[in-house]
Structures are given as C-alpha cells and as structure tokens.
Amino acid sequence: PESEMTDVLLELWDLAPKAVPKESQTYPFKTYNPIQLRKVRDINPLTINSWTSSRVTLIGNAAHAMSPLLGLGTTHAIQDAEALSQALLNYSPENYISYIVKIY
C-alpha cells in the first residue's frame, strides 16, 4: 500500500550498500549444504516400523506422519504430552515400558 512511510522506507532501503558476498563468506563451513527444495510426500504410517525405547519418547511432528507445513506440531506435542503423562500416572512397576507404549 502506498503511504508516506512506505516511500521513506523504500528510500532508506535504496541507501543501504549492496554487497555480493565472496564464495568463502557464502559457505563458511566445509560441511555446509545449501538449502534444497524437497517434495513433500505422503507416507502411510502403517508402513513404518514401530520401535520402542526406554529412554526416548517422540512427540509432536516427530511422532506423526504429517506435512510439516500444517503447523500442527505444537498441538500434537501438547496432546501427546497429555497422553504420555496419563500413561505414566497409571503404569505398573513390573511391566511399565510395555504398558506405557501400549497406552501411548
């Protein structure tokens, strides 16, 4: 939208020096890989092997086959944390890992 403030900002932007970075400045680390576009693919969650661990729990986008573009990671993380906390509250010491994995 046109406005006096927009004109002022555009003029100030034009005053800023424009420098083209040298190759060494563009990629400062030897292991750096430039950003690449990757296609988003559908994944059938039933085709992924499940695994269990007594020390690691995935929640949010890490635990769900979904597009990262949907913005539901935080929502799922909160729901997963609630489900996991309920499972932890109701575990039995004898078979707690199998019980928690089954419930969660």
C-alpha atoms as a PDB file:
ATOM      1  CA  PRO A   1       0.000   0.000   0.000  1.00  0.00           C
ATOM      2  CA  GLU A   2       1.198   3.441  -0.838  1.00  0.00           C
ATOM      3  CA  SER A   3       1.860   5.782   2.036  1.00  0.00           C
ATOM      4  CA  GLU A   4       4.397   8.351   3.081  1.00  0.00           C
ATOM      5  CA  MET A   5       6.042   5.873   5.466  1.00  0.00           C
ATOM      6  CA  THR A   6       6.388   3.279   2.699  1.00  0.00           C
ATOM      7  CA  ASP A   7       8.106   5.850   0.489  1.00  0.00           C
ATOM      8  CA  VAL A   8      10.511   6.773   3.281  1.00  0.00           C
ATOM      9  CA  LEU A   9      11.355   3.128   3.964  1.00  0.00           C
ATOM     10  CA  LEU A  10      11.963   2.427   0.282  1.00  0.00           C
ATOM     11  CA  GLU A  11      14.285   5.420   0.026  1.00  0.00           C
ATOM     12  CA  LEU A  12      16.215   4.290   3.091  1.00  0.00           C
ATOM     13  CA  TRP A  13      16.442   0.756   1.718  1.00  0.00           C
ATOM     14  CA  ASP A  14      17.957   2.083  -1.506  1.00  0.00           C
ATOM     15  CA  LEU A  15      20.629   3.911   0.510  1.00  0.00           C
ATOM     16  CA  ALA A  16      21.865   0.701   2.156  1.00  0.00           C
ATOM     17  CA  PRO A  17      25.014  -0.657   0.482  1.00  0.00           C
ATOM     18  CA  LYS A  18      24.519  -3.823  -1.505  1.00  0.00           C
ATOM     19  CA  ALA A  19      27.454  -6.212  -1.357  1.00  0.00           C
ATOM     20  CA  VAL A  20      27.802  -9.535  -3.073  1.00  0.00           C
ATOM     21  CA  PRO A  21      29.373 -11.996  -0.604  1.00  0.00           C
ATOM     22  CA  LYS A  22      32.575 -13.751  -1.578  1.00  0.00           C
ATOM     23  CA  GLU A  23      32.460 -17.520  -2.029  1.00  0.00           C
ATOM     24  CA  SER A  24      34.177 -18.041   1.342  1.00  0.00           C
ATOM     25  CA  GLN A  25      31.554 -15.865   3.031  1.00  0.00           C
ATOM     26  CA  THR A  26      28.675 -17.615   1.310  1.00  0.00           C
ATOM     27  CA  TYR A  27      29.637 -21.059   2.644  1.00  0.00           C
ATOM     28  CA  PRO A  28      31.686 -20.509   5.814  1.00  0.00           C
ATOM     29  CA  PHE A  29      31.650 -24.177   6.860  1.00  0.00           C
ATOM     30  CA  LYS A  30      33.053 -27.078   4.852  1.00  0.00           C
ATOM     31  CA  THR A  31      30.113 -29.258   5.834  1.00  0.00           C
ATOM     32  CA  TYR A  32      27.509 -26.646   4.888  1.00  0.00           C
ATOM     33  CA  ASN A  33      24.976 -27.762   2.302  1.00  0.00           C
ATOM     34  CA  PRO A  34      22.878 -25.091   0.621  1.00  0.00           C
ATOM     35  CA  ILE A  35      19.119 -25.253   1.048  1.00  0.00           C
ATOM     36  CA  GLN A  36      17.459 -27.626  -1.383  1.00  0.00           C
ATOM     37  CA  LEU A  37      13.811 -27.924  -2.240  1.00  0.00           C
ATOM     38  CA  ARG A  38      12.380 -31.297  -1.416  1.00  0.00           C
ATOM     39  CA  LYS A  39       8.997 -32.597  -2.396  1.00  0.00           C
ATOM     40  CA  VAL A  40       6.525 -33.299   0.376  1.00  0.00           C
ATOM     41  CA  ARG A  41       5.402 -36.900   0.095  1.00  0.00           C
ATOM     42  CA  ASP A  42       2.524 -38.816   1.575  1.00  0.00           C
ATOM     43  CA  ILE A  43       3.636 -41.526   3.979  1.00  0.00           C
ATOM     44  CA  ASN A  44       1.376 -44.316   5.096  1.00  0.00           C
ATOM     45  CA  PRO A  45       2.039 -44.556   8.859  1.00  0.00           C
ATOM     46  CA  LEU A  46       1.218 -48.277   8.795  1.00  0.00           C
ATOM     47  CA  THR A  47       4.241 -48.944   6.552  1.00  0.00           C
ATOM     48  CA  ILE A  48       6.703 -47.512   9.079  1.00  0.00           C
ATOM     49  CA  ASN A  49       8.183 -49.986  11.526  1.00  0.00           C
ATOM     50  CA  SER A  50       7.422 -49.119  15.119  1.00  0.00           C
ATOM     51  CA  TRP A  51      10.136 -49.197  17.736  1.00  0.00           C
ATOM     52  CA  THR A  52      10.358 -48.753  21.443  1.00  0.00           C
ATOM     53  CA  SER A  53      12.973 -47.321  23.722  1.00  0.00           C
ATOM     54  CA  SER A  54      13.078 -46.914  27.458  1.00  0.00           C
ATOM     55  CA  ARG A  55      14.927 -43.589  27.165  1.00  0.00           C
ATOM     56  CA  VAL A  56      13.439 -41.758  24.165  1.00  0.00           C
ATOM     57  CA  THR A  57       9.913 -40.517  23.522  1.00  0.00           C
ATOM     58  CA  LEU A  58       8.860 -38.765  20.344  1.00  0.00           C
ATOM     59  CA  ILE A  59       6.030 -36.247  20.449  1.00  0.00           C
ATOM     60  CA  GLY A  60       4.537 -33.718  18.043  1.00  0.00           C
ATOM     61  CA  ASN A  61       5.601 -33.781  14.385  1.00  0.00           C
ATOM     62  CA  ALA A  62       8.392 -36.238  15.191  1.00  0.00           C
ATOM     63  CA  ALA A  63       5.843 -38.880  16.156  1.00  0.00           C
ATOM     64  CA  HIS A  64       3.235 -38.321  13.456  1.00  0.00           C
ATOM     65  CA  ALA A  65       3.349 -38.815   9.697  1.00  0.00           C
ATOM     66  CA  MET A  66       2.219 -35.380   8.609  1.00  0.00           C
ATOM     67  CA  SER A  67       3.273 -32.479   6.492  1.00  0.00           C
ATOM     68  CA  PRO A  68       5.466 -30.063   8.459  1.00  0.00           C
ATOM     69  CA  LEU A  69       3.655 -27.266   6.643  1.00  0.00           C
ATOM     70  CA  LEU A  70       0.390 -27.791   8.512  1.00  0.00           C
ATOM     71  CA  GLY A  71       1.645 -26.132  11.686  1.00  0.00           C
ATOM     72  CA  LEU A  72       0.157 -28.771  13.968  1.00  0.00           C
ATOM     73  CA  GLY A  73       3.384 -29.817  15.676  1.00  0.00           C
ATOM     74  CA  THR A  74       2.762 -27.861  18.866  1.00  0.00           C
ATOM     75  CA  THR A  75      -0.854 -29.006  19.058  1.00  0.00           C
ATOM     76  CA  HIS A  76       0.155 -32.643  18.641  1.00  0.00           C
ATOM     77  CA  ALA A  77       3.033 -32.229  21.093  1.00  0.00           C
ATOM     78  CA  ILE A  78       0.621 -30.947  23.754  1.00  0.00           C
ATOM     79  CA  GLN A  79      -1.853 -33.769  23.073  1.00  0.00           C
ATOM     80  CA  ASP A  80       0.950 -36.344  23.080  1.00  0.00           C
ATOM     81  CA  ALA A  81       2.394 -34.971  26.322  1.00  0.00           C
ATOM     82  CA  GLU A  82      -1.034 -35.245  27.950  1.00  0.00           C
ATOM     83  CA  ALA A  83      -1.478 -38.837  26.735  1.00  0.00           C
ATOM     84  CA  LEU A  84       2.037 -39.739  27.863  1.00  0.00           C
ATOM     85  CA  SER A  85       1.509 -38.167  31.288  1.00  0.00           C
ATOM     86  CA  GLN A  86      -1.702 -40.186  31.731  1.00  0.00           C
ATOM     87  CA  ALA A  87       0.137 -43.359  30.746  1.00  0.00           C
ATOM     88  CA  LEU A  88       2.937 -42.570  33.205  1.00  0.00           C
ATOM     89  CA  LEU A  89       0.434 -41.985  36.015  1.00  0.00           C
ATOM     90  CA  ASN A  90      -1.143 -45.414  35.512  1.00  0.00           C
ATOM     91  CA  TYR A  91       1.889 -47.642  35.000  1.00  0.00           C
ATOM     92  CA  SER A  92       2.774 -50.756  36.963  1.00  0.00           C
ATOM     93  CA  PRO A  93       6.424 -51.264  38.004  1.00  0.00           C
ATOM     94  CA  GLU A  94       6.525 -54.816  36.628  1.00  0.00           C
ATOM     95  CA  ASN A  95       5.693 -54.039  33.002  1.00  0.00           C
ATOM     96  CA  TYR A  96       5.825 -50.280  32.776  1.00  0.00           C
ATOM     97  CA  ILE A  97       7.531 -49.988  29.354  1.00  0.00           C
ATOM     98  CA  SER A  98       5.119 -52.328  27.586  1.00  0.00           C
ATOM     99  CA  TYR A  99       2.155 -50.709  29.348  1.00  0.00           C
ATOM    100  CA  ILE A 100       3.181 -47.136  28.539  1.00  0.00           C
ATOM    101  CA  VAL A 101       3.984 -47.957  24.900  1.00  0.00           C
ATOM    102  CA  LYS A 102       0.647 -49.733  24.549  1.00  0.00           C
ATOM    103  CA  ILE A 103      -1.307 -46.805  26.028  1.00  0.00           C
ATOM    104  CA  TYR A 104       0.715 -44.033  24.425  1.00  0.00           C
END
